Amino acid sequence: MSKATATGSTKGQQQQLSEQELRITANQYGNELKAIASKIGELELQMDEHNLVIKTMTPMPEDRKCFRLINGVLVERTVKEVLPALKTNKEGIAKTIEQLTAQYRAKDKEFVEFQQKNHIRVAAA
């Protein structure tokens, strides 16, 4: 009789561990999605800042003096030198946002499939 009880409790522990592993994996998916979304938001803010500066600098004379912060160092340049660099940076940020958005969608799809496969419902906070 004690063997049956021991075996029964072992099965319960295995089921419990499996539920715990599922919970941990689901939390990891959620954390990864939050991190990607946070990075996308941060990059969108940078993109807005770049757009604002480009919009402000475009009508200015090309030989006008301006200042740019590069790796924590404020350097003096002209609009002619800075504007192309800003546009290039903006394009790079846009590409990165596209890549992160695709990564987010793929990870979200993977998470949904994981939830369906394991019959997991996320509780509302």
PDB file of N, CA and C in Angstrom:
ATOM      1  N   MET A   1       0.817  -1.184   0.000  1.00  0.00           N
ATOM      2  CA  MET A   1       0.000   0.000   0.000  1.00  0.00           C
ATOM      3  C   MET A   1       0.872   1.264   0.000  1.00  0.00           C
ATOM      4  N   SER A   2       1.981   1.244   0.689  1.00  0.00           N
ATOM      5  CA  SER A   2       2.840   2.409   0.706  1.00  0.00           C
ATOM      6  C   SER A   2       3.484   2.627  -0.658  1.00  0.00           C
ATOM      7  N   LYS A   3       3.710   1.535  -1.433  1.00  0.00           N
ATOM      8  CA  LYS A   3       4.245   1.683  -2.781  1.00  0.00           C
ATOM      9  C   LYS A   3       3.254   2.422  -3.668  1.00  0.00           C
ATOM     10  N   ALA A   4       1.993   2.091  -3.577  1.00  0.00           N
ATOM     11  CA  ALA A   4       0.960   2.736  -4.385  1.00  0.00           C
ATOM     12  C   ALA A   4       0.888   4.229  -4.025  1.00  0.00           C
ATOM     13  N   THR A   5       0.994   4.528  -2.760  1.00  0.00           N
ATOM     14  CA  THR A   5       0.941   5.912  -2.328  1.00  0.00           C
ATOM     15  C   THR A   5       2.170   6.666  -2.840  1.00  0.00           C
ATOM     16  N   ALA A   6       3.330   6.032  -2.752  1.00  0.00           N
ATOM     17  CA  ALA A   6       4.554   6.675  -3.218  1.00  0.00           C
ATOM     18  C   ALA A   6       4.493   6.907  -4.717  1.00  0.00           C
ATOM     19  N   THR A   7       3.990   5.905  -5.469  1.00  0.00           N
ATOM     20  CA  THR A   7       3.883   6.043  -6.919  1.00  0.00           C
ATOM     21  C   THR A   7       2.884   7.138  -7.275  1.00  0.00           C
ATOM     22  N   GLY A   8       1.780   7.179  -6.572  1.00  0.00           N
ATOM     23  CA  GLY A   8       0.773   8.195  -6.827  1.00  0.00           C
ATOM     24  C   GLY A   8       1.317   9.590  -6.584  1.00  0.00           C
ATOM     25  N   SER A   9       2.090   9.767  -5.522  1.00  0.00           N
ATOM     26  CA  SER A   9       2.631  11.092  -5.241  1.00  0.00           C
ATOM     27  C   SER A   9       3.715  11.463  -6.259  1.00  0.00           C
ATOM     28  N   THR A  10       4.446  10.485  -6.785  1.00  0.00           N
ATOM     29  CA  THR A  10       5.465  10.763  -7.797  1.00  0.00           C
ATOM     30  C   THR A  10       4.801  11.265  -9.064  1.00  0.00           C
ATOM     31  N   LYS A  11       3.699  10.655  -9.462  1.00  0.00           N
ATOM     32  CA  LYS A  11       2.970  11.115 -10.654  1.00  0.00           C
ATOM     33  C   LYS A  11       2.464  12.537 -10.445  1.00  0.00           C
ATOM     34  N   GLY A  12       1.989  12.825  -9.241  1.00  0.00           N
ATOM     35  CA  GLY A  12       1.521  14.176  -8.930  1.00  0.00           C
ATOM     36  C   GLY A  12       2.649  15.186  -9.018  1.00  0.00           C
ATOM     37  N   GLN A  13       3.840  14.800  -8.558  1.00  0.00           N
ATOM     38  CA  GLN A  13       4.995  15.697  -8.626  1.00  0.00           C
ATOM     39  C   GLN A  13       5.389  15.942 -10.076  1.00  0.00           C
ATOM     40  N   GLN A  14       5.351  14.865 -10.916  1.00  0.00           N
ATOM     41  CA  GLN A  14       5.696  15.025 -12.324  1.00  0.00           C
ATOM     42  C   GLN A  14       4.708  15.970 -12.999  1.00  0.00           C
ATOM     43  N   GLN A  15       3.410  15.806 -12.700  1.00  0.00           N
ATOM     44  CA  GLN A  15       2.395  16.686 -13.273  1.00  0.00           C
ATOM     45  C   GLN A  15       2.619  18.114 -12.786  1.00  0.00           C
ATOM     46  N   GLN A  16       2.923  18.275 -11.501  1.00  0.00           N
ATOM     47  CA  GLN A  16       3.171  19.596 -10.916  1.00  0.00           C
ATOM     48  C   GLN A  16       4.384  20.249 -11.584  1.00  0.00           C
ATOM     49  N   LEU A  17       5.469  19.497 -11.761  1.00  0.00           N
ATOM     50  CA  LEU A  17       6.652  20.042 -12.408  1.00  0.00           C
ATOM     51  C   LEU A  17       6.324  20.458 -13.830  1.00  0.00           C
ATOM     52  N   SER A  18       5.553  19.645 -14.494  1.00  0.00           N
ATOM     53  CA  SER A  18       5.191  19.961 -15.869  1.00  0.00           C
ATOM     54  C   SER A  18       4.378  21.258 -15.908  1.00  0.00           C
ATOM     55  N   GLU A  19       3.467  21.426 -14.982  1.00  0.00           N
ATOM     56  CA  GLU A  19       2.696  22.667 -14.922  1.00  0.00           C
ATOM     57  C   GLU A  19       3.604  23.848 -14.599  1.00  0.00           C
ATOM     58  N   GLN A  20       4.552  23.621 -13.707  1.00  0.00           N
ATOM     59  CA  GLN A  20       5.486  24.677 -13.329  1.00  0.00           C
ATOM     60  C   GLN A  20       6.366  25.048 -14.526  1.00  0.00           C
ATOM     61  N   GLU A  21       6.830  24.060 -15.271  1.00  0.00           N
ATOM     62  CA  GLU A  21       7.636  24.321 -16.464  1.00  0.00           C
ATOM     63  C   GLU A  21       6.837  25.094 -17.503  1.00  0.00           C
ATOM     64  N   LEU A  22       5.563  24.729 -17.669  1.00  0.00           N
ATOM     65  CA  LEU A  22       4.701  25.446 -18.606  1.00  0.00           C
ATOM     66  C   LEU A  22       4.533  26.903 -18.183  1.00  0.00           C
ATOM     67  N   ARG A  23       4.341  27.111 -16.898  1.00  0.00           N
ATOM     68  CA  ARG A  23       4.181  28.466 -16.375  1.00  0.00           C
ATOM     69  C   ARG A  23       5.452  29.292 -16.618  1.00  0.00           C
ATOM     70  N   ILE A  24       6.608  28.669 -16.362  1.00  0.00           N
ATOM     71  CA  ILE A  24       7.890  29.361 -16.559  1.00  0.00           C
ATOM     72  C   ILE A  24       8.077  29.702 -18.035  1.00  0.00           C
ATOM     73  N   THR A  25       7.782  28.754 -18.912  1.00  0.00           N
ATOM     74  CA  THR A  25       7.929  28.987 -20.352  1.00  0.00           C
ATOM     75  C   THR A  25       6.980  30.086 -20.823  1.00  0.00           C
ATOM     76  N   ALA A  26       5.751  30.057 -20.346  1.00  0.00           N
ATOM     77  CA  ALA A  26       4.783  31.094 -20.724  1.00  0.00           C
ATOM     78  C   ALA A  26       5.262  32.464 -20.249  1.00  0.00           C
ATOM     79  N   ASN A  27       5.801  32.529 -19.045  1.00  0.00           N
ATOM     80  CA  ASN A  27       6.333  33.801 -18.529  1.00  0.00           C
ATOM     81  C   ASN A  27       7.516  34.280 -19.362  1.00  0.00           C
ATOM     82  N   GLN A  28       8.358  33.350 -19.807  1.00  0.00           N
ATOM     83  CA  GLN A  28       9.501  33.719 -20.651  1.00  0.00           C
ATOM     84  C   GLN A  28       9.024  34.316 -21.968  1.00  0.00           C
ATOM     85  N   TYR A  29       8.017  33.697 -22.573  1.00  0.00           N
ATOM     86  CA  TYR A  29       7.445  34.248 -23.812  1.00  0.00           C
ATOM     87  C   TYR A  29       6.940  35.671 -23.571  1.00  0.00           C
ATOM     88  N   GLY A  30       6.194  35.831 -22.484  1.00  0.00           N
ATOM     89  CA  GLY A  30       5.654  37.155 -22.162  1.00  0.00           C
ATOM     90  C   GLY A  30       6.755  38.186 -21.964  1.00  0.00           C
ATOM     91  N   ASN A  31       7.811  37.805 -21.248  1.00  0.00           N
ATOM     92  CA  ASN A  31       8.922  38.726 -21.008  1.00  0.00           C
ATOM     93  C   ASN A  31       9.639  39.079 -22.306  1.00  0.00           C
ATOM     94  N   GLU A  32       9.839  38.094 -23.189  1.00  0.00           N
ATOM     95  CA  GLU A  32      10.490  38.354 -24.476  1.00  0.00           C
ATOM     96  C   GLU A  32       9.646  39.300 -25.326  1.00  0.00           C
ATOM     97  N   LEU A  33       8.335  39.085 -25.341  1.00  0.00           N
ATOM     98  CA  LEU A  33       7.452  39.960 -26.107  1.00  0.00           C
ATOM     99  C   LEU A  33       7.468  41.382 -25.550  1.00  0.00           C
ATOM    100  N   LYS A  34       7.478  41.514 -24.229  1.00  0.00           N
ATOM    101  CA  LYS A  34       7.527  42.847 -23.611  1.00  0.00           C
ATOM    102  C   LYS A  34       8.842  43.550 -23.956  1.00  0.00           C
ATOM    103  N   ALA A  35       9.946  42.804 -23.931  1.00  0.00           N
ATOM    104  CA  ALA A  35      11.252  43.395 -24.232  1.00  0.00           C
ATOM    105  C   ALA A  35      11.312  43.887 -25.681  1.00  0.00           C
ATOM    106  N   ILE A  36      10.789  43.090 -26.600  1.00  0.00           N
ATOM    107  CA  ILE A  36      10.786  43.486 -28.017  1.00  0.00           C
ATOM    108  C   ILE A  36       9.898  44.705 -28.213  1.00  0.00           C
ATOM    109  N   ALA A  37       8.717  44.683 -27.600  1.00  0.00           N
ATOM    110  CA  ALA A  37       7.794  45.818 -27.723  1.00  0.00           C
ATOM    111  C   ALA A  37       8.417  47.085 -27.140  1.00  0.00           C
ATOM    112  N   SER A  38       9.126  46.959 -26.040  1.00  0.00           N
ATOM    113  CA  SER A  38       9.788  48.101 -25.425  1.00  0.00           C
ATOM    114  C   SER A  38      10.855  48.681 -26.356  1.00  0.00           C
ATOM    115  N   LYS A  39      11.635  47.809 -26.978  1.00  0.00           N
ATOM    116  CA  LYS A  39      12.675  48.265 -27.897  1.00  0.00           C
ATOM    117  C   LYS A  39      12.053  48.946 -29.117  1.00  0.00           C
ATOM    118  N   ILE A  40      10.959  48.398 -29.623  1.00  0.00           N
ATOM    119  CA  ILE A  40      10.265  49.017 -30.759  1.00  0.00           C
ATOM    120  C   ILE A  40       9.792  50.418 -30.366  1.00  0.00           C
ATOM    121  N   GLY A  41       9.214  50.558 -29.192  1.00  0.00           N
ATOM    122  CA  GLY A  41       8.751  51.866 -28.717  1.00  0.00           C
ATOM    123  C   GLY A  41       9.889  52.860 -28.588  1.00  0.00           C
ATOM    124  N   GLU A  42      11.009  52.394 -28.066  1.00  0.00           N
ATOM    125  CA  GLU A  42      12.189  53.254 -27.916  1.00  0.00           C
ATOM    126  C   GLU A  42      12.687  53.733 -29.283  1.00  0.00           C
ATOM    127  N   LEU A  43      12.733  52.813 -30.243  1.00  0.00           N
ATOM    128  CA  LEU A  43      13.198  53.172 -31.584  1.00  0.00           C
ATOM    129  C   LEU A  43      12.215  54.101 -32.290  1.00  0.00           C
ATOM    130  N   GLU A  44      10.921  53.918 -32.046  1.00  0.00           N
ATOM    131  CA  GLU A  44       9.930  54.824 -32.639  1.00  0.00           C
ATOM    132  C   GLU A  44      10.099  56.244 -32.107  1.00  0.00           C
ATOM    133  N   LEU A  45      10.440  56.366 -30.829  1.00  0.00           N
ATOM    134  CA  LEU A  45      10.710  57.692 -30.271  1.00  0.00           C
ATOM    135  C   LEU A  45      11.939  58.323 -30.936  1.00  0.00           C
ATOM    136  N   GLN A  46      12.982  57.523 -31.141  1.00  0.00           N
ATOM    137  CA  GLN A  46      14.173  58.027 -31.828  1.00  0.00           C
ATOM    138  C   GLN A  46      13.830  58.453 -33.250  1.00  0.00           C
ATOM    139  N   MET A  47      12.987  57.673 -33.909  1.00  0.00           N
ATOM    140  CA  MET A  47      12.575  57.992 -35.274  1.00  0.00           C
ATOM    141  C   MET A  47      11.826  59.325 -35.304  1.00  0.00           C
ATOM    142  N   ASP A  48      10.937  59.526 -34.334  1.00  0.00           N
ATOM    143  CA  ASP A  48      10.216  60.806 -34.245  1.00  0.00           C
ATOM    144  C   ASP A  48      11.180  61.972 -34.038  1.00  0.00           C
ATOM    145  N   GLU A  49      12.176  61.770 -33.185  1.00  0.00           N
ATOM    146  CA  GLU A  49      13.165  62.821 -32.946  1.00  0.00           C
ATOM    147  C   GLU A  49      13.949  63.127 -34.224  1.00  0.00           C
ATOM    148  N   HIS A  50      14.348  62.091 -34.940  1.00  0.00           N
ATOM    149  CA  HIS A  50      15.071  62.288 -36.200  1.00  0.00           C
ATOM    150  C   HIS A  50      14.199  63.048 -37.200  1.00  0.00           C
ATOM    151  N   ASN A  51      12.930  62.661 -37.306  1.00  0.00           N
ATOM    152  CA  ASN A  51      12.020  63.354 -38.228  1.00  0.00           C
ATOM    153  C   ASN A  51      11.887  64.831 -37.879  1.00  0.00           C
ATOM    154  N   LEU A  52      11.765  65.120 -36.591  1.00  0.00           N
ATOM    155  CA  LEU A  52      11.634  66.508 -36.146  1.00  0.00           C
ATOM    156  C   LEU A  52      12.885  67.319 -36.501  1.00  0.00           C
ATOM    157  N   VAL A  53      14.060  66.751 -36.239  1.00  0.00           N
ATOM    158  CA  VAL A  53      15.304  67.465 -36.527  1.00  0.00           C
ATOM    159  C   VAL A  53      15.473  67.644 -38.042  1.00  0.00           C
ATOM    160  N   ILE A  54      15.172  66.612 -38.812  1.00  0.00           N
ATOM    161  CA  ILE A  54      15.278  66.712 -40.277  1.00  0.00           C
ATOM    162  C   ILE A  54      14.328  67.786 -40.804  1.00  0.00           C
ATOM    163  N   LYS A  55      13.097  67.789 -40.282  1.00  0.00           N
ATOM    164  CA  LYS A  55      12.109  68.788 -40.707  1.00  0.00           C
ATOM    165  C   LYS A  55      12.580  70.203 -40.361  1.00  0.00           C
ATOM    166  N   THR A  56      13.211  70.339 -39.201  1.00  0.00           N
ATOM    167  CA  THR A  56      13.693  71.643 -38.761  1.00  0.00           C
ATOM    168  C   THR A  56      14.895  72.100 -39.584  1.00  0.00           C
ATOM    169  N   MET A  57      15.793  71.181 -39.913  1.00  0.00           N
ATOM    170  CA  MET A  57      17.042  71.551 -40.585  1.00  0.00           C
ATOM    171  C   MET A  57      16.923  71.682 -42.104  1.00  0.00           C
ATOM    172  N   THR A  58      15.932  71.062 -42.698  1.00  0.00           N
ATOM    173  CA  THR A  58      15.818  71.057 -44.163  1.00  0.00           C
ATOM    174  C   THR A  58      15.754  72.461 -44.768  1.00  0.00           C
ATOM    175  N   PRO A  59      14.963  73.390 -44.239  1.00  0.00           N
ATOM    176  CA  PRO A  59      14.916  74.716 -44.872  1.00  0.00           C
ATOM    177  C   PRO A  59      16.133  75.604 -44.571  1.00  0.00           C
ATOM    178  N   MET A  60      17.017  75.168 -43.700  1.00  0.00           N
ATOM    179  CA  MET A  60      18.162  76.001 -43.312  1.00  0.00           C
ATOM    180  C   MET A  60      19.233  76.015 -44.407  1.00  0.00           C
ATOM    181  N   PRO A  61      20.023  77.081 -44.459  1.00  0.00           N
ATOM    182  CA  PRO A  61      21.141  77.128 -45.423  1.00  0.00           C
ATOM    183  C   PRO A  61      22.155  76.021 -45.112  1.00  0.00           C
ATOM    184  N   GLU A  62      22.715  75.429 -46.161  1.00  0.00           N
ATOM    185  CA  GLU A  62      23.627  74.303 -45.986  1.00  0.00           C
ATOM    186  C   GLU A  62      24.907  74.670 -45.238  1.00  0.00           C
ATOM    187  N   ASP A  63      25.323  75.933 -45.311  1.00  0.00           N
ATOM    188  CA  ASP A  63      26.567  76.329 -44.656  1.00  0.00           C
ATOM    189  C   ASP A  63      26.357  76.783 -43.203  1.00  0.00           C
ATOM    190  N   ARG A  64      25.125  76.687 -42.729  1.00  0.00           N
ATOM    191  CA  ARG A  64      24.842  77.089 -41.350  1.00  0.00           C
ATOM    192  C   ARG A  64      25.485  76.115 -40.362  1.00  0.00           C
ATOM    193  N   LYS A  65      26.010  76.664 -39.301  1.00  0.00           N
ATOM    194  CA  LYS A  65      26.671  75.886 -38.262  1.00  0.00           C
ATOM    195  C   LYS A  65      25.619  75.154 -37.422  1.00  0.00           C
ATOM    196  N   CYS A  66      25.911  73.918 -37.091  1.00  0.00           N
ATOM    197  CA  CYS A  66      25.042  73.181 -36.169  1.00  0.00           C
ATOM    198  C   CYS A  66      25.920  72.264 -35.312  1.00  0.00           C
ATOM    199  N   PHE A  67      25.337  71.724 -34.284  1.00  0.00           N
ATOM    200  CA  PHE A  67      26.082  70.859 -33.373  1.00  0.00           C
ATOM    201  C   PHE A  67      25.419  69.497 -33.332  1.00  0.00           C
ATOM    202  N   ARG A  68      26.271  68.475 -33.223  1.00  0.00           N
ATOM    203  CA  ARG A  68      25.770  67.101 -33.214  1.00  0.00           C
ATOM    204  C   ARG A  68      26.484  66.340 -32.107  1.00  0.00           C
ATOM    205  N   LEU A  69      25.721  65.540 -31.384  1.00  0.00           N
ATOM    206  CA  LEU A  69      26.284  64.731 -30.311  1.00  0.00           C
ATOM    207  C   LEU A  69      26.663  63.367 -30.880  1.00  0.00           C
ATOM    208  N   ILE A  70      27.953  63.060 -30.863  1.00  0.00           N
ATOM    209  CA  ILE A  70      28.438  61.779 -31.377  1.00  0.00           C
ATOM    210  C   ILE A  70      29.196  61.075 -30.263  1.00  0.00           C
ATOM    211  N   ASN A  71      28.668  59.942 -29.816  1.00  0.00           N
ATOM    212  CA  ASN A  71      29.279  59.166 -28.733  1.00  0.00           C
ATOM    213  C   ASN A  71      29.587  60.023 -27.507  1.00  0.00           C
ATOM    214  N   GLY A  72      28.667  60.875 -27.151  1.00  0.00           N
ATOM    215  CA  GLY A  72      28.822  61.704 -25.965  1.00  0.00           C
ATOM    216  C   GLY A  72      29.687  62.936 -26.151  1.00  0.00           C
ATOM    217  N   VAL A  73      30.147  63.175 -27.388  1.00  0.00           N
ATOM    218  CA  VAL A  73      30.976  64.338 -27.667  1.00  0.00           C
ATOM    219  C   VAL A  73      30.211  65.278 -28.592  1.00  0.00           C
ATOM    220  N   LEU A  74      30.095  66.534 -28.198  1.00  0.00           N
ATOM    221  CA  LEU A  74      29.403  67.533 -29.002  1.00  0.00           C
ATOM    222  C   LEU A  74      30.377  68.084 -30.042  1.00  0.00           C
ATOM    223  N   VAL A  75      30.045  67.889 -31.324  1.00  0.00           N
ATOM    224  CA  VAL A  75      30.930  68.336 -32.400  1.00  0.00           C
ATOM    225  C   VAL A  75      30.222  69.382 -33.254  1.00  0.00           C
ATOM    226  N   GLU A  76      31.008  70.305 -33.772  1.00  0.00           N
ATOM    227  CA  GLU A  76      30.468  71.361 -34.623  1.00  0.00           C
ATOM    228  C   GLU A  76      30.555  70.902 -36.072  1.00  0.00           C
ATOM    229  N   ARG A  77      29.456  71.019 -36.783  1.00  0.00           N
ATOM    230  CA  ARG A  77      29.374  70.635 -38.198  1.00  0.00           C
ATOM    231  C   ARG A  77      28.504  71.658 -38.917  1.00  0.00           C
ATOM    232  N   THR A  78      28.302  71.418 -40.209  1.00  0.00           N
ATOM    233  CA  THR A  78      27.366  72.244 -40.973  1.00  0.00           C
ATOM    234  C   THR A  78      26.127  71.421 -41.271  1.00  0.00           C
ATOM    235  N   VAL A  79      25.066  72.105 -41.642  1.00  0.00           N
ATOM    236  CA  VAL A  79      23.821  71.428 -41.992  1.00  0.00           C
ATOM    237  C   VAL A  79      24.076  70.449 -43.138  1.00  0.00           C
ATOM    238  N   LYS A  80      24.906  70.853 -44.087  1.00  0.00           N
ATOM    239  CA  LYS A  80      25.232  70.022 -45.254  1.00  0.00           C
ATOM    240  C   LYS A  80      25.849  68.684 -44.825  1.00  0.00           C
ATOM    241  N   GLU A  81      26.639  68.678 -43.755  1.00  0.00           N
ATOM    242  CA  GLU A  81      27.276  67.451 -43.270  1.00  0.00           C
ATOM    243  C   GLU A  81      26.335  66.603 -42.415  1.00  0.00           C
ATOM    244  N   VAL A  82      25.508  67.261 -41.643  1.00  0.00           N
ATOM    245  CA  VAL A  82      24.676  66.552 -40.661  1.00  0.00           C
ATOM    246  C   VAL A  82      23.408  65.963 -41.269  1.00  0.00           C
ATOM    247  N   LEU A  83      22.770  66.695 -42.163  1.00  0.00           N
ATOM    248  CA  LEU A  83      21.484  66.261 -42.708  1.00  0.00           C
ATOM    249  C   LEU A  83      21.545  64.881 -43.373  1.00  0.00           C
ATOM    250  N   PRO A  84      22.522  64.600 -44.246  1.00  0.00           N
ATOM    251  CA  PRO A  84      22.589  63.254 -44.834  1.00  0.00           C
ATOM    252  C   PRO A  84      22.805  62.151 -43.787  1.00  0.00           C
ATOM    253  N   ALA A  85      23.599  62.443 -42.776  1.00  0.00           N
ATOM    254  CA  ALA A  85      23.832  61.457 -41.716  1.00  0.00           C
ATOM    255  C   ALA A  85      22.544  61.170 -40.945  1.00  0.00           C
ATOM    256  N   LEU A  86      21.775  62.214 -40.686  1.00  0.00           N
ATOM    257  CA  LEU A  86      20.493  62.031 -39.988  1.00  0.00           C
ATOM    258  C   LEU A  86      19.531  61.179 -40.810  1.00  0.00           C
ATOM    259  N   LYS A  87      19.487  61.442 -42.118  1.00  0.00           N
ATOM    260  CA  LYS A  87      18.597  60.674 -42.989  1.00  0.00           C
ATOM    261  C   LYS A  87      19.023  59.206 -43.048  1.00  0.00           C
ATOM    262  N   THR A  88      20.325  58.972 -43.091  1.00  0.00           N
ATOM    263  CA  THR A  88      20.829  57.596 -43.095  1.00  0.00           C
ATOM    264  C   THR A  88      20.482  56.894 -41.785  1.00  0.00           C
ATOM    265  N   ASN A  89      20.695  57.583 -40.671  1.00  0.00           N
ATOM    266  CA  ASN A  89      20.350  57.009 -39.366  1.00  0.00           C
ATOM    267  C   ASN A  89      18.862  56.694 -39.278  1.00  0.00           C
ATOM    268  N   LYS A  90      18.038  57.592 -39.794  1.00  0.00           N
ATOM    269  CA  LYS A  90      16.585  57.398 -39.767  1.00  0.00           C
ATOM    270  C   LYS A  90      16.196  56.152 -40.562  1.00  0.00           C
ATOM    271  N   GLU A  91      16.813  55.969 -41.718  1.00  0.00           N
ATOM    272  CA  GLU A  91      16.532  54.774 -42.526  1.00  0.00           C
ATOM    273  C   GLU A  91      16.948  53.505 -41.790  1.00  0.00           C
ATOM    274  N   GLY A  92      18.098  53.566 -41.119  1.00  0.00           N
ATOM    275  CA  GLY A  92      18.553  52.412 -40.338  1.00  0.00           C
ATOM    276  C   GLY A  92      17.598  52.082 -39.207  1.00  0.00           C
ATOM    277  N   ILE A  93      17.111  53.106 -38.547  1.00  0.00           N
ATOM    278  CA  ILE A  93      16.150  52.905 -37.456  1.00  0.00           C
ATOM    279  C   ILE A  93      14.863  52.290 -38.005  1.00  0.00           C
ATOM    280  N   ALA A  94      14.402  52.775 -39.159  1.00  0.00           N
ATOM    281  CA  ALA A  94      13.181  52.244 -39.769  1.00  0.00           C
ATOM    282  C   ALA A  94      13.335  50.757 -40.102  1.00  0.00           C
ATOM    283  N   LYS A  95      14.498  50.385 -40.637  1.00  0.00           N
ATOM    284  CA  LYS A  95      14.744  48.969 -40.963  1.00  0.00           C
ATOM    285  C   LYS A  95      14.767  48.113 -39.703  1.00  0.00           C
ATOM    286  N   THR A  96      15.382  48.641 -38.666  1.00  0.00           N
ATOM    287  CA  THR A  96      15.446  47.910 -37.404  1.00  0.00           C
ATOM    288  C   THR A  96      14.045  47.725 -36.816  1.00  0.00           C
ATOM    289  N   ILE A  97      13.223  48.760 -36.905  1.00  0.00           N
ATOM    290  CA  ILE A  97      11.840  48.656 -36.420  1.00  0.00           C
ATOM    291  C   ILE A  97      11.088  47.579 -37.200  1.00  0.00           C
ATOM    292  N   GLU A  98      11.265  47.549 -38.508  1.00  0.00           N
ATOM    293  CA  GLU A  98      10.616  46.513 -39.333  1.00  0.00           C
ATOM    294  C   GLU A  98      11.059  45.122 -38.904  1.00  0.00           C
ATOM    295  N   GLN A  99      12.361  44.941 -38.686  1.00  0.00           N
ATOM    296  CA  GLN A  99      12.885  43.636 -38.277  1.00  0.00           C
ATOM    297  C   GLN A  99      12.346  43.224 -36.908  1.00  0.00           C
ATOM    298  N   LEU A 100      12.335  44.165 -35.981  1.00  0.00           N
ATOM    299  CA  LEU A 100      11.825  43.860 -34.645  1.00  0.00           C
ATOM    300  C   LEU A 100      10.325  43.568 -34.674  1.00  0.00           C
ATOM    301  N   THR A 101       9.590  44.268 -35.527  1.00  0.00           N
ATOM    302  CA  THR A 101       8.161  44.015 -35.654  1.00  0.00           C
ATOM    303  C   THR A 101       7.914  42.606 -36.191  1.00  0.00           C
ATOM    304  N   ALA A 102       8.699  42.208 -37.190  1.00  0.00           N
ATOM    305  CA  ALA A 102       8.581  40.850 -37.733  1.00  0.00           C
ATOM    306  C   ALA A 102       8.946  39.817 -36.666  1.00  0.00           C
ATOM    307  N   GLN A 103       9.985  40.112 -35.907  1.00  0.00           N
ATOM    308  CA  GLN A 103      10.405  39.215 -34.829  1.00  0.00           C
ATOM    309  C   GLN A 103       9.309  39.112 -33.769  1.00  0.00           C
ATOM    310  N   TYR A 104       8.681  40.246 -33.444  1.00  0.00           N
ATOM    311  CA  TYR A 104       7.602  40.256 -32.458  1.00  0.00           C
ATOM    312  C   TYR A 104       6.427  39.402 -32.942  1.00  0.00           C
ATOM    313  N   ARG A 105       6.052  39.597 -34.202  1.00  0.00           N
ATOM    314  CA  ARG A 105       4.925  38.812 -34.745  1.00  0.00           C
ATOM    315  C   ARG A 105       5.223  37.322 -34.729  1.00  0.00           C
ATOM    316  N   ALA A 106       6.451  36.936 -35.097  1.00  0.00           N
ATOM    317  CA  ALA A 106       6.831  35.524 -35.103  1.00  0.00           C
ATOM    318  C   ALA A 106       6.796  34.952 -33.686  1.00  0.00           C
ATOM    319  N   LYS A 107       7.332  35.706 -32.729  1.00  0.00           N
ATOM    320  CA  LYS A 107       7.362  35.246 -31.338  1.00  0.00           C
ATOM    321  C   LYS A 107       5.949  35.159 -30.772  1.00  0.00           C
ATOM    322  N   ASP A 108       5.091  36.118 -31.135  1.00  0.00           N
ATOM    323  CA  ASP A 108       3.705  36.098 -30.678  1.00  0.00           C
ATOM    324  C   ASP A 108       2.968  34.894 -31.247  1.00  0.00           C
ATOM    325  N   LYS A 109       3.198  34.617 -32.521  1.00  0.00           N
ATOM    326  CA  LYS A 109       2.569  33.448 -33.159  1.00  0.00           C
ATOM    327  C   LYS A 109       3.040  32.165 -32.473  1.00  0.00           C
ATOM    328  N   GLU A 110       4.335  32.091 -32.194  1.00  0.00           N
ATOM    329  CA  GLU A 110       4.903  30.932 -31.505  1.00  0.00           C
ATOM    330  C   GLU A 110       4.272  30.774 -30.117  1.00  0.00           C
ATOM    331  N   PHE A 111       4.072  31.890 -29.430  1.00  0.00           N
ATOM    332  CA  PHE A 111       3.468  31.867 -28.097  1.00  0.00           C
ATOM    333  C   PHE A 111       2.015  31.397 -28.161  1.00  0.00           C
ATOM    334  N   VAL A 112       1.273  31.885 -29.141  1.00  0.00           N
ATOM    335  CA  VAL A 112      -0.122  31.466 -29.301  1.00  0.00           C
ATOM    336  C   VAL A 112      -0.201  29.967 -29.582  1.00  0.00           C
ATOM    337  N   GLU A 113       0.685  29.474 -30.451  1.00  0.00           N
ATOM    338  CA  GLU A 113       0.718  28.038 -30.739  1.00  0.00           C
ATOM    339  C   GLU A 113       1.064  27.241 -29.487  1.00  0.00           C
ATOM    340  N   PHE A 114       2.004  27.741 -28.699  1.00  0.00           N
ATOM    341  CA  PHE A 114       2.383  27.091 -27.441  1.00  0.00           C
ATOM    342  C   PHE A 114       1.183  27.036 -26.498  1.00  0.00           C
ATOM    343  N   GLN A 115       0.442  28.157 -26.408  1.00  0.00           N
ATOM    344  CA  GLN A 115      -0.733  28.200 -25.541  1.00  0.00           C
ATOM    345  C   GLN A 115      -1.792  27.211 -26.003  1.00  0.00           C
ATOM    346  N   GLN A 116      -2.037  27.152 -27.313  1.00  0.00           N
ATOM    347  CA  GLN A 116      -3.053  26.237 -27.829  1.00  0.00           C
ATOM    348  C   GLN A 116      -2.641  24.784 -27.633  1.00  0.00           C
ATOM    349  N   LYS A 117      -1.390  24.493 -27.887  1.00  0.00           N
ATOM    350  CA  LYS A 117      -0.878  23.125 -27.757  1.00  0.00           C
ATOM    351  C   LYS A 117      -0.995  22.624 -26.328  1.00  0.00           C
ATOM    352  N   ASN A 118      -0.732  23.506 -25.379  1.00  0.00           N
ATOM    353  CA  ASN A 118      -0.719  23.115 -23.963  1.00  0.00           C
ATOM    354  C   ASN A 118      -1.979  23.529 -23.218  1.00  0.00           C
ATOM    355  N   HIS A 119      -2.988  24.017 -23.947  1.00  0.00           N
ATOM    356  CA  HIS A 119      -4.272  24.405 -23.355  1.00  0.00           C
ATOM    357  C   HIS A 119      -4.087  25.411 -22.222  1.00  0.00           C
ATOM    358  N   ILE A 120      -3.360  26.474 -22.543  1.00  0.00           N
ATOM    359  CA  ILE A 120      -3.084  27.516 -21.553  1.00  0.00           C
ATOM    360  C   ILE A 120      -3.938  28.729 -21.854  1.00  0.00           C
ATOM    361  N   ARG A 121      -4.551  29.258 -20.807  1.00  0.00           N
ATOM    362  CA  ARG A 121      -5.280  30.512 -20.917  1.00  0.00           C
ATOM    363  C   ARG A 121      -4.588  31.525 -20.028  1.00  0.00           C
ATOM    364  N   VAL A 122      -4.337  32.707 -20.544  1.00  0.00           N
ATOM    365  CA  VAL A 122      -3.673  33.744 -19.776  1.00  0.00           C
ATOM    366  C   VAL A 122      -4.734  34.491 -18.964  1.00  0.00           C
ATOM    367  N   ALA A 123      -4.493  34.572 -17.667  1.00  0.00           N
ATOM    368  CA  ALA A 123      -5.434  35.281 -16.791  1.00  0.00           C
ATOM    369  C   ALA A 123      -5.233  36.774 -16.929  1.00  0.00           C
ATOM    370  N   ALA A 124      -6.335  37.501 -16.938  1.00  0.00           N
ATOM    371  CA  ALA A 124      -6.251  38.968 -17.039  1.00  0.00           C
ATOM    372  C   ALA A 124      -5.695  39.503 -15.731  1.00  0.00           C
ATOM    373  N   ALA A 125      -4.835  40.510 -15.851  1.00  0.00           N
ATOM    374  CA  ALA A 125      -4.195  41.067 -14.635  1.00  0.00           C
ATOM    375  C   ALA A 125      -5.109  42.012 -13.907  1.00  0.00           C
TER     376      ALA A 125
END
